[in-house]
Protein backbone atom coordinates (compact mmCIF):
# COMPACT_ATOMS: atom_id res chain seq x y z
CA VAL A 1 12.42 -3.83 20.79
CA LYS A 2 10.55 -1.66 18.36
CA ILE A 3 11.90 -2.37 14.84
CA MET A 4 12.03 0.88 12.61
CA LYS A 5 10.25 0.70 9.45
CA GLU A 6 12.09 1.55 6.12
CA LYS A 7 10.69 4.20 3.71
CA PHE A 8 10.51 2.94 0.14
CA GLN A 9 8.95 4.19 -3.06
CA ILE A 10 7.80 2.56 -6.20
CA GLU A 11 6.90 4.27 -9.64
CA TYR A 12 4.30 2.90 -11.93
CA VAL A 13 3.80 4.48 -15.43
CA PHE A 14 0.29 4.71 -16.89
CA GLN A 15 0.08 5.38 -20.83
CA ASN A 16 -2.91 7.12 -22.31
CA ILE A 17 -4.82 8.03 -19.17
CA SER A 18 -5.71 11.37 -17.75
CA ALA A 19 -4.12 12.48 -14.69
CA ASN A 20 -7.38 13.75 -13.35
CA ILE A 21 -9.03 10.49 -13.50
CA LEU A 22 -6.05 8.87 -11.79
CA TRP A 23 -6.45 11.48 -9.08
CA ARG A 24 -10.04 10.67 -8.46
CA GLU A 25 -9.05 6.86 -8.21
CA ILE A 26 -6.45 7.65 -5.38
CA THR A 27 -8.46 10.15 -3.45
CA SER A 28 -12.22 9.39 -3.60
CA SER A 29 -14.11 6.87 -1.52
CA GLN A 30 -15.55 5.25 -4.69
CA GLY A 31 -12.13 5.12 -6.39
CA LEU A 32 -10.19 3.80 -3.42
CA SER A 33 -12.83 1.08 -2.87
CA GLU A 34 -12.48 -0.24 -6.59
CA TRP A 35 -8.77 -0.98 -6.41
CA PHE A 36 -7.26 -0.46 -3.00
CA ALA A 37 -9.66 -1.79 -0.37
CA ASP A 38 -12.96 -3.72 -0.34
CA SER A 39 -14.57 -0.52 0.68
CA CYS A 40 -13.69 3.01 1.80
CA ASP A 41 -15.78 5.38 3.91
CA VAL A 42 -14.83 9.03 4.30
CA VAL A 43 -15.65 10.74 7.50
CA ASP A 44 -15.27 14.69 7.85
CA LYS A 45 -13.16 14.79 4.64
CA LYS A 46 -10.14 13.64 6.78
CA LYS A 47 -10.65 10.15 8.15
CA TYR A 48 -10.76 7.40 5.62
CA ILE A 49 -11.97 3.99 6.87
CA PHE A 50 -10.76 1.24 4.70
CA SER A 51 -12.02 -2.31 4.81
CA TRP A 52 -10.61 -5.64 3.60
CA GLN A 53 -12.42 -8.90 4.12
CA GLY A 54 -14.11 -7.77 7.27
CA THR A 55 -11.32 -5.96 8.88
CA SER A 56 -11.34 -2.16 9.00
CA GLN A 57 -8.35 0.30 9.47
CA ALA A 58 -8.59 4.07 9.66
CA ALA A 59 -6.17 6.55 8.04
CA PHE A 60 -6.12 10.25 8.17
CA LEU A 61 -5.57 12.52 5.08
CA ILE A 62 -2.63 14.54 6.62
CA LYS A 63 -1.36 16.29 3.59
CA SER A 64 -2.38 16.82 -0.10
CA GLU A 65 -1.97 19.06 -2.96
CA GLU A 66 -4.82 18.90 -5.61
CA GLY A 67 -3.81 16.88 -8.48
CA LYS A 68 -0.29 16.29 -7.29
CA PHE A 69 0.03 14.31 -4.13
CA VAL A 70 -2.03 12.94 -1.17
CA ARG A 71 -0.50 11.42 2.09
CA PHE A 72 -2.33 9.32 4.52
CA GLN A 73 -1.35 8.19 8.02
CA TRP A 74 -2.68 5.03 9.62
CA GLU A 75 -4.64 5.68 12.79
CA ASN A 76 -2.10 3.93 15.25
CA GLU A 77 1.27 4.60 13.47
CA VAL A 78 2.71 7.91 14.15
CA ASP A 79 6.19 7.17 12.46
CA SER A 80 4.99 6.22 9.08
CA TYR A 81 2.60 7.08 6.19
CA PHE A 82 1.67 6.29 2.66
CA GLU A 83 1.50 8.66 -0.13
CA PHE A 84 0.44 8.85 -3.60
CA ARG A 85 2.09 11.15 -6.00
CA ILE A 86 1.19 11.99 -9.74
CA GLU A 87 3.59 13.44 -12.25
CA THR A 88 2.99 13.88 -15.83
CA SER A 89 5.87 13.68 -18.26
CA ASN A 90 6.12 16.67 -20.63
CA LEU A 91 7.70 14.65 -23.41
CA THR A 92 5.64 11.57 -23.41
CA LYS A 93 2.69 12.76 -21.69
CA ASN A 94 2.64 9.45 -19.54
CA VAL A 95 1.35 9.53 -16.10
CA ALA A 96 3.66 8.41 -13.28
CA LEU A 97 2.09 7.26 -9.98
CA THR A 98 4.80 7.12 -7.19
CA ILE A 99 3.86 5.37 -4.01
CA VAL A 100 5.64 6.14 -0.88
CA ASP A 101 5.31 3.68 1.92
CA PHE A 102 6.96 2.18 5.02
CA ALA A 103 7.66 -1.46 5.93
CA GLU A 104 9.84 -3.48 8.38
CA PRO A 105 12.87 -4.63 6.53
CA GLU A 106 11.78 -8.28 6.41
CA ASP A 107 8.21 -7.12 5.03
CA LYS A 108 9.36 -4.83 2.37
CA GLU A 109 9.39 -7.37 -0.33
CA ASP A 110 5.67 -8.47 0.45
CA SER A 111 4.72 -4.81 0.73
CA ILE A 112 6.23 -4.20 -2.94
CA MET A 113 4.29 -7.34 -4.19
CA LEU A 114 0.98 -6.18 -2.52
CA TRP A 115 1.37 -2.77 -4.16
CA ASP A 116 2.17 -4.35 -7.52
CA SER A 117 -0.92 -6.38 -7.07
CA GLN A 118 -3.17 -3.37 -6.21
CA ILE A 119 -1.72 -1.33 -9.07
CA ASP A 120 -2.53 -4.23 -11.46
CA ASN A 121 -6.09 -3.77 -10.37
CA LEU A 122 -6.26 -0.17 -10.83
CA LYS A 123 -4.64 -0.65 -14.38
CA ARG A 124 -7.41 -3.16 -15.08
CA LEU A 125 -10.00 -0.89 -13.88
CA MET A 126 -8.77 2.03 -15.93
CA GLY A 127 -8.67 -0.31 -19.04
CA ILE A 128 -4.91 -0.41 -19.32
């Protein structure tokens, strides 16, 4: 029996940063290898190979809109994806990064904790 993954989203607010710099961190090989994975190689602009402690996993860039959002799909998972979405508040000028991801119900809390940890790395990298 295959367990269906649940979609969830988390929002992180960044103060005093440029949306353009954040965009580079979530879309470039160099940016992603600084906070998301140990390394990230991009093949043909669509296939991203992420490595963590010697284990690699490929994801495909399946949808994006420059400066707004980017969506990746893991190579062997057709029913789920992960997405980074950037929005800037007109009022406060704060930049919000929303992450959309999927997890099995019993793994959702762990997935959120992992994202929290990775976003802490990203904020530290950006001097926040």
